[in-house]
Amino acid sequence: MGFLFNGLHSSAMGIRARLTDWRFIPAVINYTVNIPGKEGVADFGASKTSRRISVKCGVNPTGSMASLIHVLDVLAAWLDPTSGTAQLVLDELPDRYFLARLDSDVSCTRLIRCAGSFDLDFFCPDPYGYALSDENFTLTATGTHTILRTKGNAVSLPEYRLMGEVINDSSARWFRITTNGVALTISGRLAANEVLVIDTANMTAKVVDTDGVLVKNGLPYLSSLNLPELNLGTNTVSIEAEGCTFSSLAIQAKSRWR
């Protein structure tokens, strides 16, 4: 067994790797307030903060200490945490990836015949694992549609890509997308060759052309920040268009695991 990090597999780097434990509930932060004169605290809930993944690794016998250090030098360049996060895929969980980087220093213990062993502690600022092969849906007509999410085990924060044509900024011209009963009204001039990208995870929106080149900020197009979320299983998406032309709505589910 092993893992894939930043596009390279551990086996190709000359190391053996395996999971020995799994934190099935990541770190949480509690929101509480002390109230003078009252025993206990006022509880305002909790949220997940980050995830840590520990992997035990070994280097096959190299014949000399110099050869072992050379292998470790190559690993240090591959795993350099200052390069930022990269996709981490564990062989035991081949359907998902985590965005991770190393969280601490790594010390290799020399074994017989100049083999080595060490632990890698990965830090994931986003505690969720995301589908390697995501679920995508394209709606090409107004009305009510049903889409089915089958991957993951948590509510997902999708990306919506809306195409259509709105000839001017009149308040009488708008799109309305209602996801599982939560409505989002969109108004503002949109050319036929432009795409309004709504990114729920980052709470942002932008207008790009069909080549992906940024045209302008898309947040002023949105009536609110009631951005869509998709449940595991059946979801209802309704599309309305008033005084404008609807072309398509592409949905990337960004299915994820807790």
C-alpha atoms as a PDB file:
ATOM      1  CA  MET A   1       0.000   0.000   0.000  1.00  0.00           C
ATOM      2  CA  GLY A   2       1.054   3.617  -0.316  1.00  0.00           C
ATOM      3  CA  PHE A   3      -0.147   7.055  -1.307  1.00  0.00           C
ATOM      4  CA  LEU A   4      -0.152   9.532  -4.185  1.00  0.00           C
ATOM      5  CA  PHE A   5       1.015  13.061  -3.402  1.00  0.00           C
ATOM      6  CA  ASN A   6       1.307  15.917  -5.884  1.00  0.00           C
ATOM      7  CA  GLY A   7       0.963  13.494  -8.781  1.00  0.00           C
ATOM      8  CA  LEU A   8       3.689  11.037  -7.669  1.00  0.00           C
ATOM      9  CA  HIS A   9       3.156   7.690  -5.971  1.00  0.00           C
ATOM     10  CA  SER A  10       5.197   6.696  -2.932  1.00  0.00           C
ATOM     11  CA  SER A  11       6.267   3.441  -4.599  1.00  0.00           C
ATOM     12  CA  ALA A  12       7.876   5.403  -7.442  1.00  0.00           C
ATOM     13  CA  MET A  13       9.845   7.343  -4.821  1.00  0.00           C
ATOM     14  CA  GLY A  14      11.290   4.145  -3.356  1.00  0.00           C
ATOM     15  CA  ILE A  15       9.344   4.013  -0.102  1.00  0.00           C
ATOM     16  CA  ARG A  16       6.773   1.728   1.462  1.00  0.00           C
ATOM     17  CA  ALA A  17       3.845   3.361   3.235  1.00  0.00           C
ATOM     18  CA  ARG A  18       0.759   2.343   5.188  1.00  0.00           C
ATOM     19  CA  LEU A  19      -1.960   3.802   7.363  1.00  0.00           C
ATOM     20  CA  THR A  20      -1.958   2.561  10.955  1.00  0.00           C
ATOM     21  CA  ASP A  21      -4.794   4.699  12.320  1.00  0.00           C
ATOM     22  CA  TRP A  22      -7.594   6.897  11.025  1.00  0.00           C
ATOM     23  CA  ARG A  23      -9.098   9.968  12.664  1.00  0.00           C
ATOM     24  CA  PHE A  24     -12.696   9.439  11.576  1.00  0.00           C
ATOM     25  CA  ILE A  25     -13.774  12.662  13.317  1.00  0.00           C
ATOM     26  CA  PRO A  26     -11.406  15.579  12.596  1.00  0.00           C
ATOM     27  CA  ALA A  27     -10.511  18.323  15.051  1.00  0.00           C
ATOM     28  CA  VAL A  28     -13.361  20.567  16.177  1.00  0.00           C
ATOM     29  CA  ILE A  29     -13.582  23.982  17.756  1.00  0.00           C
ATOM     30  CA  ASN A  30     -16.277  24.719  20.337  1.00  0.00           C
ATOM     31  CA  TYR A  31     -17.999  28.106  20.471  1.00  0.00           C
ATOM     32  CA  THR A  32     -18.811  28.856  24.107  1.00  0.00           C
ATOM     33  CA  VAL A  33     -19.201  31.906  26.329  1.00  0.00           C
ATOM     34  CA  ASN A  34     -18.738  32.160  30.068  1.00  0.00           C
ATOM     35  CA  ILE A  35     -21.678  33.888  31.750  1.00  0.00           C
ATOM     36  CA  PRO A  36     -20.930  35.492  35.145  1.00  0.00           C
ATOM     37  CA  GLY A  37     -23.004  33.943  37.906  1.00  0.00           C
ATOM     38  CA  LYS A  38     -23.983  30.929  35.832  1.00  0.00           C
ATOM     39  CA  GLU A  39     -22.397  27.528  36.169  1.00  0.00           C
ATOM     40  CA  GLY A  40     -21.133  26.017  32.969  1.00  0.00           C
ATOM     41  CA  VAL A  41     -20.978  27.873  29.675  1.00  0.00           C
ATOM     42  CA  ALA A  42     -23.385  28.966  26.954  1.00  0.00           C
ATOM     43  CA  ASP A  43     -22.932  26.593  24.028  1.00  0.00           C
ATOM     44  CA  PHE A  44     -23.130  28.036  20.510  1.00  0.00           C
ATOM     45  CA  GLY A  45     -22.199  24.833  18.715  1.00  0.00           C
ATOM     46  CA  ALA A  46     -19.016  23.579  17.087  1.00  0.00           C
ATOM     47  CA  SER A  47     -17.349  23.312  13.696  1.00  0.00           C
ATOM     48  CA  LYS A  48     -14.632  21.211  12.144  1.00  0.00           C
ATOM     49  CA  THR A  49     -11.256  22.892  11.860  1.00  0.00           C
ATOM     50  CA  SER A  50      -8.676  20.675  10.150  1.00  0.00           C
ATOM     51  CA  ARG A  51      -7.635  17.075   9.651  1.00  0.00           C
ATOM     52  CA  ARG A  52      -4.351  15.292  10.291  1.00  0.00           C
ATOM     53  CA  ILE A  53      -3.328  12.114   8.505  1.00  0.00           C
ATOM     54  CA  SER A  54      -0.390  10.033   9.737  1.00  0.00           C
ATOM     55  CA  VAL A  55       1.400   7.603   7.442  1.00  0.00           C
ATOM     56  CA  LYS A  56       4.146   5.177   8.503  1.00  0.00           C
ATOM     57  CA  CYS A  57       6.881   4.823   5.898  1.00  0.00           C
ATOM     58  CA  GLY A  58       9.974   2.771   5.253  1.00  0.00           C
ATOM     59  CA  VAL A  59      12.939   3.020   2.879  1.00  0.00           C
ATOM     60  CA  ASN A  60      14.249  -0.237   1.411  1.00  0.00           C
ATOM     61  CA  PRO A  61      17.879  -1.154   2.150  1.00  0.00           C
ATOM     62  CA  THR A  62      20.216   1.148   0.215  1.00  0.00           C
ATOM     63  CA  GLY A  63      23.596  -0.379   1.012  1.00  0.00           C
ATOM     64  CA  SER A  64      25.173   2.713   2.530  1.00  0.00           C
ATOM     65  CA  MET A  65      24.299   5.690   4.672  1.00  0.00           C
ATOM     66  CA  ALA A  66      25.165   8.045   1.796  1.00  0.00           C
ATOM     67  CA  SER A  67      22.673   6.255  -0.467  1.00  0.00           C
ATOM     68  CA  LEU A  68      20.001   6.453   2.213  1.00  0.00           C
ATOM     69  CA  ILE A  69      20.530  10.183   2.631  1.00  0.00           C
ATOM     70  CA  HIS A  70      20.332  10.635  -1.147  1.00  0.00           C
ATOM     71  CA  VAL A  71      16.896   8.948  -1.150  1.00  0.00           C
ATOM     72  CA  LEU A  72      15.807  11.190   1.728  1.00  0.00           C
ATOM     73  CA  ASP A  73      16.995  14.295  -0.146  1.00  0.00           C
ATOM     74  CA  VAL A  74      14.737  13.369  -3.061  1.00  0.00           C
ATOM     75  CA  LEU A  75      11.832  12.793  -0.680  1.00  0.00           C
ATOM     76  CA  ALA A  76      12.429  16.165   0.999  1.00  0.00           C
ATOM     77  CA  ALA A  77      12.074  17.946  -2.344  1.00  0.00           C
ATOM     78  CA  TRP A  78       8.909  15.992  -3.190  1.00  0.00           C
ATOM     79  CA  LEU A  79       7.234  16.611   0.172  1.00  0.00           C
ATOM     80  CA  ASP A  80       8.474  20.169   0.811  1.00  0.00           C
ATOM     81  CA  PRO A  81       5.696  21.802   2.899  1.00  0.00           C
ATOM     82  CA  THR A  82       6.686  25.315   1.803  1.00  0.00           C
ATOM     83  CA  SER A  83       5.327  24.470  -1.663  1.00  0.00           C
ATOM     84  CA  GLY A  84       1.805  24.559  -0.220  1.00  0.00           C
ATOM     85  CA  THR A  85      -0.958  21.983  -0.240  1.00  0.00           C
ATOM     86  CA  ALA A  86      -1.310  19.306  -2.915  1.00  0.00           C
ATOM     87  CA  GLN A  87      -3.653  16.407  -3.561  1.00  0.00           C
ATOM     88  CA  LEU A  88      -3.079  13.441  -1.251  1.00  0.00           C
ATOM     89  CA  VAL A  89      -4.693  10.155  -2.297  1.00  0.00           C
ATOM     90  CA  LEU A  90      -4.363   7.133  -0.013  1.00  0.00           C
ATOM     91  CA  ASP A  91      -4.350   3.678  -1.604  1.00  0.00           C
ATOM     92  CA  GLU A  92      -6.812   2.556   1.079  1.00  0.00           C
ATOM     93  CA  LEU A  93      -9.228   5.345  -0.002  1.00  0.00           C
ATOM     94  CA  PRO A  94      -8.816   5.513  -3.803  1.00  0.00           C
ATOM     95  CA  ASP A  95     -12.085   7.360  -4.455  1.00  0.00           C
ATOM     96  CA  ARG A  96     -11.156  10.644  -2.737  1.00  0.00           C
ATOM     97  CA  TYR A  97      -8.386  13.168  -2.259  1.00  0.00           C
ATOM     98  CA  PHE A  98      -7.380  15.510   0.534  1.00  0.00           C
ATOM     99  CA  LEU A  99      -5.579  18.829   0.148  1.00  0.00           C
ATOM    100  CA  ALA A 100      -2.581  18.388   2.410  1.00  0.00           C
ATOM    101  CA  ARG A 101       0.962  19.364   3.287  1.00  0.00           C
ATOM    102  CA  LEU A 102       3.420  18.122   5.880  1.00  0.00           C
ATOM    103  CA  ASP A 103       2.814  19.531   9.335  1.00  0.00           C
ATOM    104  CA  SER A 104       6.125  18.923  11.105  1.00  0.00           C
ATOM    105  CA  ASP A 105       9.728  17.905  10.730  1.00  0.00           C
ATOM    106  CA  VAL A 106      10.522  14.320   9.721  1.00  0.00           C
ATOM    107  CA  SER A 107      13.286  12.229  11.276  1.00  0.00           C
ATOM    108  CA  CYS A 108      14.383   8.970   9.671  1.00  0.00           C
ATOM    109  CA  THR A 109      15.550   6.100  11.916  1.00  0.00           C
ATOM    110  CA  ARG A 110      18.380   4.087  10.429  1.00  0.00           C
ATOM    111  CA  LEU A 111      17.737   0.333  10.356  1.00  0.00           C
ATOM    112  CA  ILE A 112      19.875  -2.620   9.303  1.00  0.00           C
ATOM    113  CA  ARG A 113      21.656  -2.463   5.936  1.00  0.00           C
ATOM    114  CA  CYS A 114      20.934   1.259   5.797  1.00  0.00           C
ATOM    115  CA  ALA A 115      17.186   0.916   5.473  1.00  0.00           C
ATOM    116  CA  GLY A 116      15.111   3.591   7.208  1.00  0.00           C
ATOM    117  CA  SER A 117      11.726   4.243   8.793  1.00  0.00           C
ATOM    118  CA  PHE A 118       9.844   7.463   9.494  1.00  0.00           C
ATOM    119  CA  ASP A 119       6.357   8.888  10.036  1.00  0.00           C
ATOM    120  CA  LEU A 120       4.732  11.523   7.839  1.00  0.00           C
ATOM    121  CA  ASP A 121       2.141  13.777   9.478  1.00  0.00           C
ATOM    122  CA  PHE A 122      -0.019  15.521   6.885  1.00  0.00           C
ATOM    123  CA  PHE A 123      -2.042  18.622   7.754  1.00  0.00           C
ATOM    124  CA  CYS A 124      -5.290  19.225   5.836  1.00  0.00           C
ATOM    125  CA  PRO A 125      -6.655  22.759   6.392  1.00  0.00           C
ATOM    126  CA  ASP A 126      -9.908  21.562   4.801  1.00  0.00           C
ATOM    127  CA  PRO A 127     -11.039  18.496   6.780  1.00  0.00           C
ATOM    128  CA  TYR A 128     -13.118  17.009   3.945  1.00  0.00           C
ATOM    129  CA  GLY A 129     -12.081  14.444   1.369  1.00  0.00           C
ATOM    130  CA  TYR A 130     -13.282  15.204  -2.188  1.00  0.00           C
ATOM    131  CA  ALA A 131     -14.323  12.848  -4.977  1.00  0.00           C
ATOM    132  CA  LEU A 132     -11.514  12.220  -7.451  1.00  0.00           C
ATOM    133  CA  SER A 133     -14.116  11.686 -10.147  1.00  0.00           C
ATOM    134  CA  ASP A 134     -16.687  14.324  -9.339  1.00  0.00           C
ATOM    135  CA  GLU A 135     -20.386  14.320 -10.165  1.00  0.00           C
ATOM    136  CA  ASN A 136     -21.395  16.825 -12.853  1.00  0.00           C
ATOM    137  CA  PHE A 137     -24.831  17.766 -14.138  1.00  0.00           C
ATOM    138  CA  THR A 138     -25.927  20.024 -17.019  1.00  0.00           C
ATOM    139  CA  LEU A 139     -29.436  21.512 -17.172  1.00  0.00           C
ATOM    140  CA  THR A 140     -30.504  23.053 -20.491  1.00  0.00           C
ATOM    141  CA  ALA A 141     -34.118  24.053 -19.858  1.00  0.00           C
ATOM    142  CA  THR A 142     -36.026  26.115 -17.337  1.00  0.00           C
ATOM    143  CA  GLY A 143     -38.391  24.379 -14.927  1.00  0.00           C
ATOM    144  CA  THR A 144     -37.839  21.930 -12.091  1.00  0.00           C
ATOM    145  CA  HIS A 145     -35.145  19.278 -12.282  1.00  0.00           C
ATOM    146  CA  THR A 146     -34.030  16.441 -10.008  1.00  0.00           C
ATOM    147  CA  ILE A 147     -30.349  15.609  -9.666  1.00  0.00           C
ATOM    148  CA  LEU A 148     -28.947  12.655  -7.733  1.00  0.00           C
ATOM    149  CA  ARG A 149     -25.732  12.775  -5.729  1.00  0.00           C
ATOM    150  CA  THR A 150     -24.363   9.309  -5.001  1.00  0.00           C
ATOM    151  CA  LYS A 151     -20.814  10.015  -3.796  1.00  0.00           C
ATOM    152  CA  GLY A 152     -19.618  11.157  -0.389  1.00  0.00           C
ATOM    153  CA  ASN A 153     -21.457  11.323   2.934  1.00  0.00           C
ATOM    154  CA  ALA A 154     -21.765  15.070   3.583  1.00  0.00           C
ATOM    155  CA  VAL A 155     -23.582  18.104   2.217  1.00  0.00           C
ATOM    156  CA  SER A 156     -21.532  19.499  -0.678  1.00  0.00           C
ATOM    157  CA  LEU A 157     -20.788  23.083  -1.682  1.00  0.00           C
ATOM    158  CA  PRO A 158     -21.120  23.047  -5.468  1.00  0.00           C
ATOM    159  CA  GLU A 159     -19.981  25.301  -8.276  1.00  0.00           C
ATOM    160  CA  TYR A 160     -22.693  26.592 -10.614  1.00  0.00           C
ATOM    161  CA  ARG A 161     -21.871  27.858 -14.105  1.00  0.00           C
ATOM    162  CA  LEU A 162     -24.759  29.830 -15.624  1.00  0.00           C
ATOM    163  CA  MET A 163     -24.931  30.718 -19.314  1.00  0.00           C
ATOM    164  CA  GLY A 164     -27.591  32.879 -20.902  1.00  0.00           C
ATOM    165  CA  GLU A 165     -28.139  36.368 -22.258  1.00  0.00           C
ATOM    166  CA  VAL A 166     -29.360  39.442 -20.376  1.00  0.00           C
ATOM    167  CA  ILE A 167     -29.291  42.487 -22.638  1.00  0.00           C
ATOM    168  CA  ASN A 168     -29.188  45.142 -19.902  1.00  0.00           C
ATOM    169  CA  ASP A 169     -29.135  45.724 -16.146  1.00  0.00           C
ATOM    170  CA  SER A 170     -32.892  46.213 -15.794  1.00  0.00           C
ATOM    171  CA  SER A 171     -34.371  44.833 -12.582  1.00  0.00           C
ATOM    172  CA  ALA A 172     -37.150  43.390 -14.738  1.00  0.00           C
ATOM    173  CA  ARG A 173     -34.662  40.902 -16.252  1.00  0.00           C
ATOM    174  CA  TRP A 174     -33.452  38.099 -14.005  1.00  0.00           C
ATOM    175  CA  PHE A 175     -32.748  34.435 -13.461  1.00  0.00           C
ATOM    176  CA  ARG A 176     -33.843  32.632 -10.325  1.00  0.00           C
ATOM    177  CA  ILE A 177     -32.239  29.328  -9.279  1.00  0.00           C
ATOM    178  CA  THR A 178     -33.898  27.528  -6.395  1.00  0.00           C
ATOM    179  CA  THR A 179     -31.921  24.645  -4.886  1.00  0.00           C
ATOM    180  CA  ASN A 180     -33.755  22.458  -2.378  1.00  0.00           C
ATOM    181  CA  GLY A 181     -36.120  25.322  -1.608  1.00  0.00           C
ATOM    182  CA  VAL A 182     -33.448  28.035  -1.251  1.00  0.00           C
ATOM    183  CA  ALA A 183     -33.790  30.703  -3.951  1.00  0.00           C
ATOM    184  CA  LEU A 184     -31.007  32.799  -5.479  1.00  0.00           C
ATOM    185  CA  THR A 185     -31.968  35.630  -7.836  1.00  0.00           C
ATOM    186  CA  ILE A 186     -29.418  36.772 -10.422  1.00  0.00           C
ATOM    187  CA  SER A 187     -29.666  40.011 -12.375  1.00  0.00           C
ATOM    188  CA  GLY A 188     -27.266  42.097 -14.448  1.00  0.00           C
ATOM    189  CA  ARG A 189     -26.060  42.250 -18.030  1.00  0.00           C
ATOM    190  CA  LEU A 190     -24.653  38.951 -19.262  1.00  0.00           C
ATOM    191  CA  ALA A 191     -23.442  38.409 -22.829  1.00  0.00           C
ATOM    192  CA  ALA A 192     -24.137  35.177 -24.696  1.00  0.00           C
ATOM    193  CA  ASN A 193     -20.432  34.265 -24.620  1.00  0.00           C
ATOM    194  CA  GLU A 194     -20.024  34.879 -20.881  1.00  0.00           C
ATOM    195  CA  VAL A 195     -20.409  32.518 -17.913  1.00  0.00           C
ATOM    196  CA  LEU A 196     -21.422  33.469 -14.395  1.00  0.00           C
ATOM    197  CA  VAL A 197     -19.508  31.170 -12.026  1.00  0.00           C
ATOM    198  CA  ILE A 198     -20.957  30.821  -8.524  1.00  0.00           C
ATOM    199  CA  ASP A 199     -18.550  29.134  -6.090  1.00  0.00           C
ATOM    200  CA  THR A 200     -20.360  28.163  -2.892  1.00  0.00           C
ATOM    201  CA  ALA A 201     -17.275  26.843  -1.066  1.00  0.00           C
ATOM    202  CA  ASN A 202     -15.393  30.136  -1.401  1.00  0.00           C
ATOM    203  CA  MET A 203     -18.542  32.324  -1.299  1.00  0.00           C
ATOM    204  CA  THR A 204     -17.494  34.092  -4.486  1.00  0.00           C
ATOM    205  CA  ALA A 205     -18.871  34.728  -7.956  1.00  0.00           C
ATOM    206  CA  LYS A 206     -17.224  35.901 -11.163  1.00  0.00           C
ATOM    207  CA  VAL A 207     -18.014  36.420 -14.824  1.00  0.00           C
ATOM    208  CA  VAL A 208     -15.635  34.759 -17.283  1.00  0.00           C
ATOM    209  CA  ASP A 209     -15.649  34.323 -21.038  1.00  0.00           C
ATOM    210  CA  THR A 210     -15.895  30.908 -22.677  1.00  0.00           C
ATOM    211  CA  ASP A 211     -12.083  30.623 -22.548  1.00  0.00           C
ATOM    212  CA  GLY A 212     -12.137  31.084 -18.774  1.00  0.00           C
ATOM    213  CA  VAL A 213     -10.663  34.606 -18.849  1.00  0.00           C
ATOM    214  CA  LEU A 214     -11.951  36.769 -16.011  1.00  0.00           C
ATOM    215  CA  VAL A 215     -14.275  39.547 -17.180  1.00  0.00           C
ATOM    216  CA  LYS A 216     -15.543  41.025 -13.899  1.00  0.00           C
ATOM    217  CA  ASN A 217     -16.636  40.375 -10.342  1.00  0.00           C
ATOM    218  CA  GLY A 218     -19.886  38.437 -10.229  1.00  0.00           C
ATOM    219  CA  LEU A 219     -21.014  39.131  -6.660  1.00  0.00           C
ATOM    220  CA  PRO A 220     -23.070  42.237  -7.634  1.00  0.00           C
ATOM    221  CA  TYR A 221     -25.211  39.904  -9.793  1.00  0.00           C
ATOM    222  CA  LEU A 222     -26.425  37.971  -6.741  1.00  0.00           C
ATOM    223  CA  SER A 223     -29.403  39.082  -4.682  1.00  0.00           C
ATOM    224  CA  SER A 224     -27.966  37.427  -1.558  1.00  0.00           C
ATOM    225  CA  LEU A 225     -25.354  34.977  -0.343  1.00  0.00           C
ATOM    226  CA  ASN A 226     -27.902  32.174  -0.012  1.00  0.00           C
ATOM    227  CA  LEU A 227     -25.603  30.026  -2.098  1.00  0.00           C
ATOM    228  CA  PRO A 228     -26.609  26.514  -3.140  1.00  0.00           C
ATOM    229  CA  GLU A 229     -25.831  23.329  -1.216  1.00  0.00           C
ATOM    230  CA  LEU A 230     -26.422  19.774  -2.406  1.00  0.00           C
ATOM    231  CA  ASN A 231     -27.504  16.890  -0.198  1.00  0.00           C
ATOM    232  CA  LEU A 232     -26.438  13.299  -0.618  1.00  0.00           C
ATOM    233  CA  GLY A 233     -29.228  11.668  -2.613  1.00  0.00           C
ATOM    234  CA  THR A 234     -32.022  13.558  -4.359  1.00  0.00           C
ATOM    235  CA  ASN A 235     -31.849  17.331  -4.907  1.00  0.00           C
ATOM    236  CA  THR A 236     -34.344  19.634  -6.593  1.00  0.00           C
ATOM    237  CA  VAL A 237     -33.135  22.523  -8.779  1.00  0.00           C
ATOM    238  CA  SER A 238     -35.659  24.943 -10.287  1.00  0.00           C
ATOM    239  CA  ILE A 239     -34.698  27.500 -12.926  1.00  0.00           C
ATOM    240  CA  GLU A 240     -36.736  30.560 -13.859  1.00  0.00           C
ATOM    241  CA  ALA A 241     -35.932  33.257 -16.420  1.00  0.00           C
ATOM    242  CA  GLU A 242     -37.726  36.601 -16.748  1.00  0.00           C
ATOM    243  CA  GLY A 243     -36.978  38.964 -19.647  1.00  0.00           C
ATOM    244  CA  CYS A 244     -33.794  37.092 -20.578  1.00  0.00           C
ATOM    245  CA  THR A 245     -32.618  33.971 -22.386  1.00  0.00           C
ATOM    246  CA  PHE A 246     -31.470  30.885 -20.486  1.00  0.00           C
ATOM    247  CA  SER A 247     -28.911  28.607 -22.154  1.00  0.00           C
ATOM    248  CA  SER A 248     -27.561  26.190 -19.572  1.00  0.00           C
ATOM    249  CA  LEU A 249     -26.635  25.594 -15.954  1.00  0.00           C
ATOM    250  CA  ALA A 250     -23.627  23.341 -15.367  1.00  0.00           C
ATOM    251  CA  ILE A 251     -23.269  21.998 -11.822  1.00  0.00           C
ATOM    252  CA  GLN A 252     -20.091  20.530 -10.368  1.00  0.00           C
ATOM    253  CA  ALA A 253     -21.251  18.812  -7.198  1.00  0.00           C
ATOM    254  CA  LYS A 254     -17.884  18.804  -5.367  1.00  0.00           C
ATOM    255  CA  SER A 255     -19.034  15.679  -3.566  1.00  0.00           C
ATOM    256  CA  ARG A 256     -17.176  15.122  -0.321  1.00  0.00           C
ATOM    257  CA  TRP A 257     -16.688  12.918   2.721  1.00  0.00           C
ATOM    258  CA  ARG A 258     -16.649  14.009   6.360  1.00  0.00           C
END
